Amino acid sequence: MAKSSTTRARSRMIANSRQPAHPSTGAGSGWDAWYGNSADVFGYLLRSVMRYRIRMRSVVDQRPRVGRLSARIAGVSAIGANIRQQRERLGWSQARLAYEVCRAAGVVGEPVGRQEVSRWETGKRTPREWLPFLAAALGVSVETLRKPRTSAEPPPPALADFLPGENPLEPLRGRTGGRIGLTQVDDLRQRVHGLRLADDYLAGGDLVRPALREFGEAVRMFRECSHSEETGRQLLVQIGELAQIAGWIAGDAGQHAEAERMYRLGLSAAAQAEDRTLIGHLAGSLAYQCSNTGREVEGVTLARAALDEAGPDAPPKARALYLDRVAWAHTKAGNAQAAMRALGEAGEALAEDSRDIESPDYLYWVNSGELHVMEARVFTELRRPLRAVPILRDVLGRYDATHTRELALYLSWLAVACADANEPEEAAAVAERMLTLSAGIASERTTQRARVVLARLAEYTDVPEVRAVLDSAA
């Protein structure tokens, strides 16, 4: 989708043996050069984000999250970060702290070791009964160890910070930015696709700033630079595609209002460029967000409108994706039969795809595996676990583990499906893996899904394996 719907379920075309046509040449053999250039952009984004995160960690141990699940989901609890801070203040190793805790508790042997201290500091476990002895060993109060940590990270950016106050897509009368051609538009296209590839590996909280900054620069280029009519149209297409991936990223960062603004600006750009497939992509992305944020009726309306706008001549992958969004919208709205029909139609649409059919860059990840994931999600939401579990196990058995966020999201659906199938021990094992993977991911989607998983497990508190997962997440 360039990441739009299906929680962007996808095995991505990176793992697909098919070589898609280069968007400008239509030659399948051009994939290596095309992907290579985009991968260079992805590498730059990855390095930039990692430098940013390292700088922030020199100021703040970890980004805290509000709520009962913060320790497990955000990767390190306030207590864990405080323990580490106090230990480092004393210049102690984790092994030394373990020894001092045992001595403070007056116990013989080593019931607390270095590994247990490590688990406390990383938020994998909560000290609970050991907390008073930790405080005594460190020479601080229990309240000091429980004190929430404040983040020195700057507030999330807003789209308005990167755009002019007037109509962002209204060209200036006196253009001062020089003349551009298709070469500059192609450069932008590669950067947009690089951002998509970066989103395969990084979460919304990591990418939202570079995404909004790139969008602001693209709009500035359109407004301030002179260009031919065709160059202007192609530039609007890239602005629309950039708005979609930036909107998806903002949504993953929990900035849903900003994401909607991005989608609507992208719709304006795509409409001016008269790109109906892209209009459908943006409208479907907004529909997906509506369906997941309590606006289910609006989600159904938008998803159907996106499919109708793209029309029957849209590439098979596009129609398959838009039908998948229709299926999800109906699922969230409680329309089971309509959802099942849309899933079947999505499979039929994808079956029409072939090597000879060119698809837009943003559909690189759409394949049968992704449709199967959506099918399993629908079955899980409709409480049909016997159909959901085999599909999810098959997909997860082949899934690229480097796509951490997507893997965690898919595991969350499997955990819920196992619980629905009255297999709480298996659900607990899957949930434990999901929560571990989610640690430190700056994604509101994984945070929200973790809440769903733990709420579902709460019905099995009498099962030891479940109790252990719930206790560690408390």
Protein backbone atom coordinates (compact mmCIF):
# COMPACT_ATOMS: atom_id res chain seq x y z
CA MET A 1 0.00 0.00 0.00
CA ALA A 2 2.31 1.75 0.25
CA LYS A 3 0.91 0.67 3.39
CA SER A 4 -2.60 1.34 3.72
CA SER A 5 -5.09 -1.15 4.88
CA THR A 6 -4.94 -4.66 6.05
CA THR A 7 -2.96 -3.43 8.92
CA ARG A 8 -0.71 -3.58 6.16
CA ALA A 9 -0.58 -7.18 6.30
CA ARG A 10 1.89 -8.18 3.75
CA SER A 11 4.76 -10.43 2.90
CA ARG A 12 5.78 -7.58 0.62
CA MET A 13 7.08 -8.00 -2.83
CA ILE A 14 10.58 -8.02 -1.40
CA ALA A 15 9.92 -11.68 -0.68
CA ASN A 16 8.02 -12.21 -3.91
CA SER A 17 9.90 -13.85 -6.73
CA ARG A 18 7.96 -11.88 -9.34
CA GLN A 19 9.87 -8.93 -10.78
CA PRO A 20 7.50 -5.98 -11.13
CA ALA A 21 7.80 -3.65 -14.05
CA HIS A 22 9.75 -0.43 -13.58
CA PRO A 23 7.10 2.27 -13.32
CA SER A 24 8.66 4.40 -16.03
CA THR A 25 9.94 1.82 -18.48
CA GLY A 26 7.52 -1.06 -18.02
CA ALA A 27 10.47 -3.45 -18.22
CA GLY A 28 10.45 -6.24 -15.67
CA SER A 29 14.24 -6.50 -15.90
CA GLY A 30 14.52 -3.01 -14.45
CA TRP A 31 13.51 -4.17 -10.96
CA ASP A 32 17.05 -4.54 -9.61
CA ALA A 33 17.99 -0.98 -10.52
CA TRP A 34 14.64 0.35 -9.34
CA TYR A 35 14.71 -1.47 -6.03
CA GLY A 36 18.37 -0.65 -5.54
CA ASN A 37 17.82 3.09 -5.87
CA SER A 38 14.84 2.97 -3.53
CA ALA A 39 16.80 0.83 -1.09
CA ASP A 40 19.51 3.51 -1.03
CA VAL A 41 16.88 5.99 0.10
CA PHE A 42 15.61 3.47 2.65
CA GLY A 43 19.13 3.04 4.00
CA TYR A 44 19.50 6.79 4.40
CA LEU A 45 16.19 7.01 6.26
CA LEU A 46 17.12 4.09 8.49
CA ARG A 47 20.46 5.64 9.42
CA SER A 48 18.85 9.02 10.08
CA VAL A 49 16.19 7.54 12.33
CA MET A 50 18.68 5.44 14.27
CA ARG A 51 20.90 8.49 14.83
CA TYR A 52 17.84 10.35 16.10
CA ARG A 53 16.88 7.55 18.48
CA ILE A 54 20.44 7.30 19.82
CA ARG A 55 20.49 11.05 20.49
CA MET A 56 17.20 10.85 22.34
CA ARG A 57 18.35 7.92 24.45
CA SER A 58 21.34 9.97 25.61
CA VAL A 59 18.82 12.36 27.15
CA VAL A 60 16.12 9.92 28.19
CA ASP A 61 16.55 6.23 29.06
CA GLN A 62 13.40 5.18 27.24
CA ARG A 63 10.22 6.74 25.91
CA PRO A 64 7.50 6.02 28.51
CA ARG A 65 3.94 5.19 27.64
CA VAL A 66 0.88 6.09 29.68
CA GLY A 67 -1.22 3.30 31.06
CA ARG A 68 -1.11 -0.04 32.76
CA LEU A 69 0.56 -1.77 29.83
CA SER A 70 3.42 0.70 29.43
CA ALA A 71 6.12 -1.52 30.92
CA ARG A 72 5.51 -4.34 28.45
CA ILE A 73 4.51 -2.41 25.37
CA ALA A 74 6.90 0.53 25.41
CA GLY A 75 9.85 -1.74 26.14
CA VAL A 76 10.93 -0.46 29.54
CA SER A 77 8.84 0.47 32.57
CA ALA A 78 9.34 3.58 34.60
CA ILE A 79 10.40 1.30 37.46
CA GLY A 80 12.90 -0.51 35.24
CA ALA A 81 14.40 2.72 33.96
CA ASN A 82 14.64 4.09 37.50
CA ILE A 83 16.35 0.92 38.76
CA ARG A 84 18.92 1.18 36.01
CA GLN A 85 19.48 4.89 36.67
CA GLN A 86 20.05 4.34 40.38
CA ARG A 87 22.30 1.33 39.78
CA GLU A 88 24.47 3.30 37.35
CA ARG A 89 24.57 6.21 39.82
CA LEU A 90 26.29 3.86 42.27
CA GLY A 91 28.52 2.41 39.59
CA TRP A 92 27.25 -1.11 40.24
CA SER A 93 26.95 -3.97 37.81
CA GLN A 94 23.69 -5.89 37.56
CA ALA A 95 25.35 -8.79 39.39
CA ARG A 96 26.38 -6.46 42.25
CA LEU A 97 22.81 -5.12 42.54
CA ALA A 98 21.45 -8.69 42.63
CA TYR A 99 23.82 -9.49 45.49
CA GLU A 100 22.85 -6.34 47.43
CA VAL A 101 19.14 -7.03 47.00
CA CYS A 102 19.53 -10.53 48.44
CA ARG A 103 21.55 -9.12 51.32
CA ALA A 104 18.90 -6.44 51.99
CA ALA A 105 16.22 -9.14 52.02
CA GLY A 106 18.26 -11.29 54.39
CA VAL A 107 17.99 -14.37 52.18
CA VAL A 108 20.55 -17.13 51.77
CA GLY A 109 21.75 -18.08 48.30
CA GLU A 110 20.95 -16.15 45.15
CA PRO A 111 17.20 -16.18 44.45
CA VAL A 112 17.84 -12.95 42.53
CA GLY A 113 20.60 -13.02 39.94
CA ARG A 114 21.98 -10.76 37.24
CA GLN A 115 19.45 -12.01 34.67
CA GLU A 116 16.53 -11.15 36.96
CA VAL A 117 17.87 -7.61 37.39
CA SER A 118 18.16 -7.35 33.62
CA ARG A 119 14.52 -8.41 33.23
CA TRP A 120 13.45 -5.75 35.73
CA GLU A 121 15.40 -3.03 33.97
CA THR A 122 14.08 -3.91 30.53
CA GLY A 123 10.49 -4.18 31.73
CA LYS A 124 10.15 -7.87 30.97
CA ARG A 125 9.25 -8.42 34.62
CA THR A 126 8.08 -6.23 37.48
CA PRO A 127 9.94 -6.53 40.82
CA ARG A 128 6.73 -6.52 42.92
CA GLU A 129 7.71 -8.11 46.27
CA TRP A 130 11.39 -7.34 45.67
CA LEU A 131 10.78 -3.60 45.23
CA PRO A 132 11.28 -2.63 48.91
CA PHE A 133 14.57 -4.54 49.01
CA LEU A 134 15.67 -2.92 45.76
CA ALA A 135 14.98 0.48 47.25
CA ALA A 136 16.89 -0.40 50.42
CA ALA A 137 19.87 -1.73 48.45
CA LEU A 138 19.98 1.39 46.27
CA GLY A 139 19.48 3.75 49.19
CA VAL A 140 16.31 5.38 47.84
CA SER A 141 12.61 5.26 48.62
CA VAL A 142 10.14 2.94 46.91
CA GLU A 143 8.37 6.06 45.61
CA THR A 144 11.59 7.11 43.86
CA LEU A 145 11.67 3.83 41.95
CA ARG A 146 7.98 4.11 41.05
CA LYS A 147 8.18 7.73 39.94
CA PRO A 148 7.07 8.17 36.28
CA ARG A 149 9.79 9.36 33.98
CA THR A 150 9.26 12.44 31.85
CA SER A 151 10.31 12.41 28.22
CA ALA A 152 12.65 15.04 26.84
CA GLU A 153 11.51 14.10 23.35
CA PRO A 154 9.94 16.99 21.42
CA PRO A 155 6.17 16.92 20.87
CA PRO A 156 4.86 15.13 17.77
CA PRO A 157 4.98 17.29 14.65
CA ALA A 158 1.86 18.57 12.95
CA LEU A 159 1.26 18.78 9.22
CA ALA A 160 0.74 22.54 9.55
CA ASP A 161 4.38 22.86 10.64
CA PHE A 162 5.50 21.87 7.16
CA LEU A 163 2.88 23.53 4.92
CA PRO A 164 1.95 27.12 4.03
CA GLY A 165 -1.13 28.55 5.73
CA GLU A 166 -3.04 29.07 2.47
CA ASN A 167 -4.16 26.38 0.02
CA PRO A 168 -1.10 24.07 -0.01
CA LEU A 169 -1.68 22.95 -3.62
CA GLU A 170 -2.27 26.43 -5.06
CA PRO A 171 0.74 27.41 -7.22
CA LEU A 172 2.30 30.79 -6.48
CA ARG A 173 1.80 33.49 -9.10
CA GLY A 174 5.43 34.55 -8.99
CA ARG A 175 7.38 31.28 -8.93
CA THR A 176 10.86 31.66 -7.50
CA GLY A 177 12.10 28.09 -7.31
CA GLY A 178 13.47 27.62 -10.83
CA ARG A 179 12.26 25.13 -13.42
CA ILE A 180 11.97 21.41 -12.84
CA GLY A 181 11.37 18.46 -15.16
CA LEU A 182 10.59 14.78 -15.01
CA THR A 183 14.09 14.03 -13.66
CA GLN A 184 13.28 15.80 -10.40
CA VAL A 185 9.90 14.09 -10.24
CA ASP A 186 11.58 10.70 -10.69
CA ASP A 187 13.97 11.55 -7.85
CA LEU A 188 10.97 12.29 -5.66
CA ARG A 189 9.32 9.04 -6.73
CA GLN A 190 12.34 7.07 -5.56
CA ARG A 191 12.36 8.89 -2.21
CA VAL A 192 8.65 8.14 -1.75
CA HIS A 193 9.25 4.46 -2.40
CA GLY A 194 12.25 4.54 -0.08
CA LEU A 195 9.92 5.79 2.64
CA ARG A 196 7.60 2.84 1.98
CA LEU A 197 10.49 0.42 2.32
CA ALA A 198 11.61 2.11 5.54
CA ASP A 199 8.11 1.61 6.93
CA ASP A 200 8.54 -2.12 6.42
CA TYR A 201 11.16 -2.08 9.18
CA LEU A 202 10.49 1.03 11.29
CA ALA A 203 7.37 2.23 13.10
CA GLY A 204 5.33 5.38 12.75
CA GLY A 205 6.87 7.12 15.74
CA ASP A 206 10.29 6.80 14.11
CA LEU A 207 9.29 7.94 10.63
CA VAL A 208 6.62 10.59 11.11
CA ARG A 209 9.03 13.53 11.15
CA PRO A 210 10.97 12.63 7.99
CA ALA A 211 7.68 11.75 6.26
CA LEU A 212 6.05 15.11 7.01
CA ARG A 213 9.23 16.97 6.14
CA GLU A 214 9.42 15.20 2.76
CA PHE A 215 5.78 16.01 2.09
CA GLY A 216 6.35 19.69 2.86
CA GLU A 217 9.29 19.79 0.44
CA ALA A 218 7.24 18.15 -2.32
CA VAL A 219 4.45 20.68 -1.88
CA ARG A 220 6.98 23.52 -1.91
CA MET A 221 8.41 22.21 -5.17
CA PHE A 222 4.97 22.12 -6.77
CA ARG A 223 4.04 25.61 -5.60
CA GLU A 224 7.29 27.46 -6.17
CA CYS A 225 8.87 25.83 -9.22
CA SER A 226 7.81 26.24 -12.84
CA HIS A 227 7.19 23.12 -14.90
CA SER A 228 5.35 21.74 -17.89
CA GLU A 229 1.76 20.55 -17.60
CA GLU A 230 2.83 16.88 -17.72
CA THR A 231 5.57 17.42 -15.14
CA GLY A 232 3.03 19.13 -12.90
CA ARG A 233 0.62 16.23 -13.23
CA GLN A 234 3.30 13.67 -12.42
CA LEU A 235 4.40 15.77 -9.46
CA LEU A 236 0.81 15.80 -8.16
CA VAL A 237 0.73 12.01 -8.45
CA GLN A 238 3.85 11.76 -6.28
CA ILE A 239 2.41 14.21 -3.78
CA GLY A 240 -0.68 12.00 -3.59
CA GLU A 241 1.40 8.85 -3.10
CA LEU A 242 3.54 10.61 -0.50
CA ALA A 243 0.40 11.77 1.33
CA GLN A 244 -0.80 8.16 1.53
CA ILE A 245 2.36 6.71 3.06
CA ALA A 246 2.81 9.75 5.32
CA GLY A 247 -0.80 9.38 6.45
CA TRP A 248 -0.26 5.70 7.17
CA ILE A 249 2.88 6.54 9.18
CA ALA A 250 1.10 9.28 11.13
CA GLY A 251 -1.72 6.86 11.93
CA ASP A 252 0.78 4.29 13.16
CA ALA A 253 2.21 7.00 15.44
CA GLY A 254 -1.28 7.55 16.87
CA GLN A 255 -1.77 10.92 15.14
CA HIS A 256 -5.08 10.10 13.49
CA ALA A 257 -6.17 13.69 12.89
CA GLU A 258 -2.90 14.45 11.10
CA ALA A 259 -3.24 11.24 9.11
CA GLU A 260 -6.71 12.26 7.94
CA ARG A 261 -5.42 15.67 6.86
CA MET A 262 -2.69 13.92 4.85
CA TYR A 263 -5.18 11.59 3.17
CA ARG A 264 -7.50 14.45 2.24
CA LEU A 265 -4.67 16.55 0.81
CA GLY A 266 -3.55 13.50 -1.14
CA LEU A 267 -7.08 13.05 -2.48
CA SER A 268 -7.00 16.65 -3.73
CA ALA A 269 -3.67 16.07 -5.45
CA ALA A 270 -4.79 12.78 -7.02
CA ALA A 271 -8.03 14.37 -8.23
CA GLN A 272 -6.11 17.22 -9.89
CA ALA A 273 -3.86 14.62 -11.53
CA GLU A 274 -6.95 12.62 -12.60
CA ASP A 275 -5.46 9.41 -11.21
CA ARG A 276 -8.49 7.32 -10.27
CA THR A 277 -6.50 4.35 -8.95
CA LEU A 278 -4.60 6.63 -6.57
CA ILE A 279 -7.84 8.29 -5.48
CA GLY A 280 -9.13 4.84 -4.58
CA HIS A 281 -5.93 4.08 -2.67
CA LEU A 282 -6.17 7.25 -0.57
CA ALA A 283 -9.91 6.95 0.04
CA GLY A 284 -9.45 3.31 1.05
CA SER A 285 -6.64 4.25 3.43
CA LEU A 286 -8.90 6.78 5.12
CA ALA A 287 -11.71 4.20 5.21
CA TYR A 288 -9.40 1.77 6.98
CA GLN A 289 -8.55 4.34 9.61
CA CYS A 290 -12.22 5.19 10.13
CA SER A 291 -13.09 1.53 10.58
CA ASN A 292 -10.43 1.16 13.27
CA THR A 293 -11.20 4.35 15.19
CA GLY A 294 -14.91 4.02 15.94
CA ARG A 295 -16.29 5.40 12.67
CA GLU A 296 -17.44 2.09 11.22
CA VAL A 297 -20.36 3.39 9.13
CA GLU A 298 -18.17 6.03 7.54
CA GLY A 299 -15.55 3.36 6.94
CA VAL A 300 -17.97 1.23 4.93
CA THR A 301 -19.11 4.22 2.85
CA LEU A 302 -15.56 5.32 2.08
CA ALA A 303 -14.32 1.81 1.30
CA ARG A 304 -17.13 1.27 -1.21
CA ALA A 305 -16.52 4.72 -2.72
CA ALA A 306 -12.80 3.92 -3.09
CA LEU A 307 -13.59 0.72 -4.98
CA ASP A 308 -16.14 2.44 -7.20
CA GLU A 309 -13.80 5.36 -7.95
CA ALA A 310 -10.97 3.07 -9.04
CA GLY A 311 -13.37 1.33 -11.39
CA PRO A 312 -13.20 -2.03 -13.16
CA ASP A 313 -10.17 -0.98 -15.21
CA ALA A 314 -7.94 -0.56 -12.17
CA PRO A 315 -5.03 -3.05 -11.92
CA PRO A 316 -6.04 -6.38 -10.36
CA LYS A 317 -3.84 -5.77 -7.32
CA ALA A 318 -5.56 -2.45 -6.71
CA ARG A 319 -9.04 -3.96 -6.91
CA ALA A 320 -7.97 -6.82 -4.63
CA LEU A 321 -6.64 -4.37 -2.04
CA TYR A 322 -9.70 -2.13 -2.20
CA LEU A 323 -12.01 -5.13 -1.84
CA ASP A 324 -9.98 -6.25 1.17
CA ARG A 325 -10.66 -2.86 2.74
CA VAL A 326 -14.35 -3.26 1.98
CA ALA A 327 -14.26 -6.64 3.72
CA TRP A 328 -12.61 -5.17 6.80
CA ALA A 329 -15.00 -2.21 6.91
CA HIS A 330 -17.99 -4.56 6.82
CA THR A 331 -16.37 -6.75 9.48
CA LYS A 332 -15.93 -3.83 11.88
CA ALA A 333 -19.50 -2.74 11.14
CA GLY A 334 -20.81 -6.22 11.98
CA ASN A 335 -21.85 -7.16 8.42
CA ALA A 336 -20.48 -10.71 8.30
CA GLN A 337 -22.00 -11.84 5.01
CA ALA A 338 -20.97 -8.69 3.15
CA ALA A 339 -17.45 -9.11 4.53
CA MET A 340 -17.21 -12.70 3.32
CA ARG A 341 -18.45 -11.72 -0.16
CA ALA A 342 -15.82 -8.98 -0.41
CA LEU A 343 -13.07 -11.40 0.62
CA GLY A 344 -14.10 -13.79 -2.14
CA GLU A 345 -14.16 -10.99 -4.70
CA ALA A 346 -10.71 -9.82 -3.57
CA GLY A 347 -9.29 -13.28 -4.25
CA GLU A 348 -10.91 -13.36 -7.68
CA ALA A 349 -9.49 -9.93 -8.52
CA LEU A 350 -5.95 -10.91 -7.54
CA ALA A 351 -6.22 -14.09 -9.62
CA GLU A 352 -6.47 -11.87 -12.70
CA ASP A 353 -3.01 -10.40 -12.09
CA SER A 354 -0.11 -11.43 -14.31
CA ARG A 355 3.45 -10.45 -15.11
CA ASP A 356 2.27 -8.47 -18.09
CA ILE A 357 0.05 -6.17 -16.02
CA GLU A 358 1.77 -3.09 -14.64
CA SER A 359 0.77 -1.94 -11.17
CA PRO A 360 1.64 1.28 -9.31
CA ASP A 361 4.65 1.20 -7.01
CA TYR A 362 2.50 1.39 -3.90
CA LEU A 363 1.02 -2.06 -4.58
CA TYR A 364 4.39 -3.82 -4.35
CA TRP A 365 3.38 -5.72 -1.21
CA VAL A 366 -0.05 -6.96 -2.33
CA ASN A 367 -0.07 -10.73 -2.87
CA SER A 368 -2.03 -13.83 -1.94
CA GLY A 369 -0.32 -14.07 1.45
CA GLU A 370 -1.58 -10.64 2.40
CA LEU A 371 -5.10 -11.52 1.36
CA HIS A 372 -4.89 -14.64 3.51
CA VAL A 373 -3.89 -12.52 6.50
CA MET A 374 -6.91 -10.28 6.00
CA GLU A 375 -9.10 -13.35 5.67
CA ALA A 376 -7.78 -14.65 8.99
CA ARG A 377 -8.30 -11.28 10.65
CA VAL A 378 -11.89 -11.22 9.48
CA PHE A 379 -12.47 -14.74 10.80
CA THR A 380 -10.93 -13.77 14.14
CA GLU A 381 -13.04 -10.64 14.44
CA LEU A 382 -16.14 -12.68 13.64
CA ARG A 383 -15.13 -15.22 16.33
CA ARG A 384 -14.47 -18.09 13.93
CA PRO A 385 -11.13 -19.30 15.31
CA LEU A 386 -11.15 -22.74 13.69
CA ARG A 387 -10.87 -21.02 10.32
CA ALA A 388 -8.50 -18.27 11.44
CA VAL A 389 -5.83 -20.27 13.28
CA PRO A 390 -4.64 -22.53 10.40
CA ILE A 391 -4.32 -19.55 8.05
CA LEU A 392 -2.36 -17.48 10.53
CA ARG A 393 -0.04 -20.35 11.41
CA ASP A 394 0.69 -20.95 7.74
CA VAL A 395 1.44 -17.28 7.05
CA LEU A 396 3.49 -16.76 10.21
CA GLY A 397 5.53 -19.86 9.47
CA ARG A 398 6.86 -18.15 6.36
CA TYR A 399 6.88 -14.53 7.48
CA ASP A 400 9.99 -12.33 7.41
CA ALA A 401 10.91 -11.79 11.06
CA THR A 402 12.71 -8.54 10.25
CA HIS A 403 9.31 -6.91 9.73
CA THR A 404 8.84 -6.74 13.47
CA ARG A 405 5.72 -4.61 13.71
CA GLU A 406 3.74 -6.64 11.19
CA LEU A 407 4.87 -9.89 12.79
CA ALA A 408 3.74 -8.63 16.20
CA LEU A 409 0.39 -7.54 14.78
CA TYR A 410 -0.23 -10.89 13.11
CA LEU A 411 0.72 -12.71 16.31
CA SER A 412 -1.84 -10.62 18.16
CA TRP A 413 -4.58 -11.98 15.93
CA LEU A 414 -3.34 -15.52 16.44
CA ALA A 415 -3.30 -15.06 20.23
CA VAL A 416 -6.91 -13.86 20.23
CA ALA A 417 -7.98 -16.67 17.89
CA CYS A 418 -6.35 -19.26 20.17
CA ALA A 419 -8.15 -17.80 23.16
CA ASP A 420 -11.44 -17.92 21.24
CA ALA A 421 -10.71 -21.58 20.46
CA ASN A 422 -10.43 -22.26 24.21
CA GLU A 423 -6.67 -22.86 24.01
CA PRO A 424 -5.49 -20.46 26.72
CA GLU A 425 -2.04 -22.03 27.16
CA GLU A 426 -1.28 -21.61 23.46
CA ALA A 427 -2.77 -18.12 23.49
CA ALA A 428 -0.46 -17.19 26.38
CA ALA A 429 2.62 -18.47 24.54
CA VAL A 430 1.74 -16.51 21.40
CA ALA A 431 0.90 -13.42 23.46
CA GLU A 432 4.24 -13.60 25.26
CA ARG A 433 6.06 -13.60 21.92
CA MET A 434 3.89 -10.77 20.61
CA LEU A 435 4.53 -8.60 23.67
CA THR A 436 8.26 -9.26 23.53
CA LEU A 437 8.40 -8.25 19.88
CA SER A 438 6.35 -5.14 20.61
CA ALA A 439 8.76 -3.91 23.25
CA GLY A 440 10.18 -0.56 22.20
CA ILE A 441 8.22 -0.31 18.93
CA ALA A 442 6.93 3.25 18.52
CA SER A 443 3.64 2.07 17.04
CA GLU A 444 0.18 2.87 18.35
CA ARG A 445 -1.14 -0.11 16.38
CA THR A 446 0.94 -2.62 18.31
CA THR A 447 0.13 -0.84 21.56
CA GLN A 448 -3.60 -1.06 20.89
CA ARG A 449 -3.41 -4.70 19.80
CA ALA A 450 -1.47 -5.57 22.97
CA ARG A 451 -4.33 -4.15 25.00
CA VAL A 452 -6.80 -6.27 23.04
CA VAL A 453 -4.74 -9.43 23.57
CA LEU A 454 -4.35 -8.91 27.31
CA ALA A 455 -8.03 -8.09 27.73
CA ARG A 456 -8.92 -11.32 25.94
CA LEU A 457 -6.51 -13.34 28.12
CA ALA A 458 -8.06 -11.84 31.25
CA GLU A 459 -10.89 -14.36 30.91
CA TYR A 460 -8.41 -17.17 31.71
CA THR A 461 -6.75 -15.83 34.84
CA ASP A 462 -7.01 -19.26 36.49
CA VAL A 463 -4.59 -20.73 33.91
CA PRO A 464 -0.99 -20.45 35.22
CA GLU A 465 0.54 -19.66 31.84
CA VAL A 466 -1.97 -16.85 31.30
CA ARG A 467 -1.52 -15.56 34.82
CA ALA A 468 2.23 -15.31 34.25
CA VAL A 469 1.75 -13.24 31.08
CA LEU A 470 -0.75 -10.92 32.76
CA ASP A 471 1.48 -10.48 35.81
CA SER A 472 4.49 -9.59 33.71
CA ALA A 473 2.44 -7.02 31.81
CA ALA A 474 1.00 -5.41 34.92
